């Protein structure tokens, strides 16, 4: 299973939140680095009408083309691309 396949349910939930207009971009602190990061969150409205935020993704602070690379077929143990 690829990383993408393992995140399918999260992606679907985030897509639904976007469709319903229940998303927010929050300023958070990365616990590993202490650096401020922008986080895409789904917004849940609780029974008492308060809000809770479910973090789904961190935005890149730098140039994403310098931070990530698409894997090659050799990078997959089972040779199944995303």
Protein backbone atom coordinates (compact mmCIF):
# COMPACT_ATOMS: atom_id res chain seq x y z
CA UNK A 1 0.00 0.00 0.00
CA UNK A 2 1.33 3.45 -0.87
CA UNK A 3 1.20 6.46 1.45
CA UNK A 4 -1.47 7.94 -0.80
CA UNK A 5 -3.66 4.85 -0.56
CA UNK A 6 -3.33 4.94 3.24
CA UNK A 7 -4.59 8.53 3.32
CA UNK A 8 -7.62 8.06 1.03
CA UNK A 9 -10.18 8.32 3.87
CA UNK A 10 -8.58 11.51 5.17
CA UNK A 11 -8.51 13.01 1.67
CA UNK A 12 -12.18 12.16 1.16
CA UNK A 13 -13.12 13.73 4.51
CA UNK A 14 -11.14 16.86 3.65
CA UNK A 15 -12.76 17.05 0.20
CA UNK A 16 -16.20 16.85 1.83
CA UNK A 17 -15.25 19.62 4.28
CA UNK A 18 -14.23 21.83 1.33
CA UNK A 19 -17.51 21.09 -0.45
CA UNK A 20 -19.43 22.10 2.68
CA UNK A 21 -17.31 25.20 3.35
CA UNK A 22 -16.10 23.79 6.68
CA UNK A 23 -12.35 24.38 6.35
CA UNK A 24 -9.91 26.77 7.95
CA UNK A 25 -6.27 27.67 7.51
CA UNK A 26 -4.73 27.97 10.99
CA UNK A 27 -1.37 29.25 12.18
CA UNK A 28 0.09 26.43 14.26
CA UNK A 29 3.47 25.48 15.68
CA UNK A 30 5.16 22.30 14.47
CA UNK A 31 5.95 20.35 17.64
CA UNK A 32 9.04 18.75 16.09
CA UNK A 33 10.67 22.01 14.95
CA UNK A 34 8.98 24.83 16.89
CA UNK A 35 8.40 26.63 13.58
CA UNK A 36 5.08 28.28 12.69
CA UNK A 37 3.23 26.37 9.96
CA UNK A 38 -0.06 26.89 8.14
CA UNK A 39 -2.37 23.93 8.74
CA UNK A 40 -5.47 23.02 6.72
CA UNK A 41 -8.21 21.96 9.15
CA UNK A 42 -11.77 20.71 8.87
CA UNK A 43 -14.14 22.66 11.12
CA UNK A 44 -16.61 20.73 13.24
CA UNK A 45 -19.54 22.51 14.90
CA UNK A 46 -20.21 20.90 18.27
CA UNK A 47 -23.60 20.45 19.94
CA UNK A 48 -22.99 23.52 22.11
CA UNK A 49 -22.26 25.49 18.91
CA UNK A 50 -18.54 25.74 19.71
CA UNK A 51 -15.99 24.81 17.06
CA UNK A 52 -13.31 22.16 16.94
CA UNK A 53 -10.60 21.93 14.32
CA UNK A 54 -9.32 18.69 12.82
CA UNK A 55 -5.85 19.11 11.30
CA UNK A 56 -5.37 17.40 7.94
CA UNK A 57 -2.34 18.91 6.20
CA UNK A 58 0.58 21.28 6.67
CA UNK A 59 1.35 23.79 3.95
CA UNK A 60 4.90 24.13 2.68
CA UNK A 61 6.87 27.05 4.12
CA UNK A 62 9.47 26.86 1.38
CA UNK A 63 9.45 25.96 -2.28
CA UNK A 64 7.61 22.61 -2.51
CA UNK A 65 9.54 21.70 -5.67
CA UNK A 66 12.71 21.81 -3.58
CA UNK A 67 11.21 19.90 -0.64
CA UNK A 68 9.59 16.87 -2.32
CA UNK A 69 10.20 14.61 -5.29
CA UNK A 70 7.86 12.15 -6.98
CA UNK A 71 8.92 8.56 -6.31
CA UNK A 72 10.10 6.25 -9.05
CA UNK A 73 8.94 2.66 -9.54
CA UNK A 74 12.08 1.47 -7.72
CA UNK A 75 10.93 3.37 -4.61
CA UNK A 76 7.96 1.01 -4.18
CA UNK A 77 8.57 -2.37 -2.61
CA UNK A 78 5.50 -3.86 -4.27
CA UNK A 79 6.00 -1.80 -7.45
CA UNK A 80 2.52 -0.24 -7.22
CA UNK A 81 2.60 3.47 -8.11
CA UNK A 82 0.08 5.89 -6.64
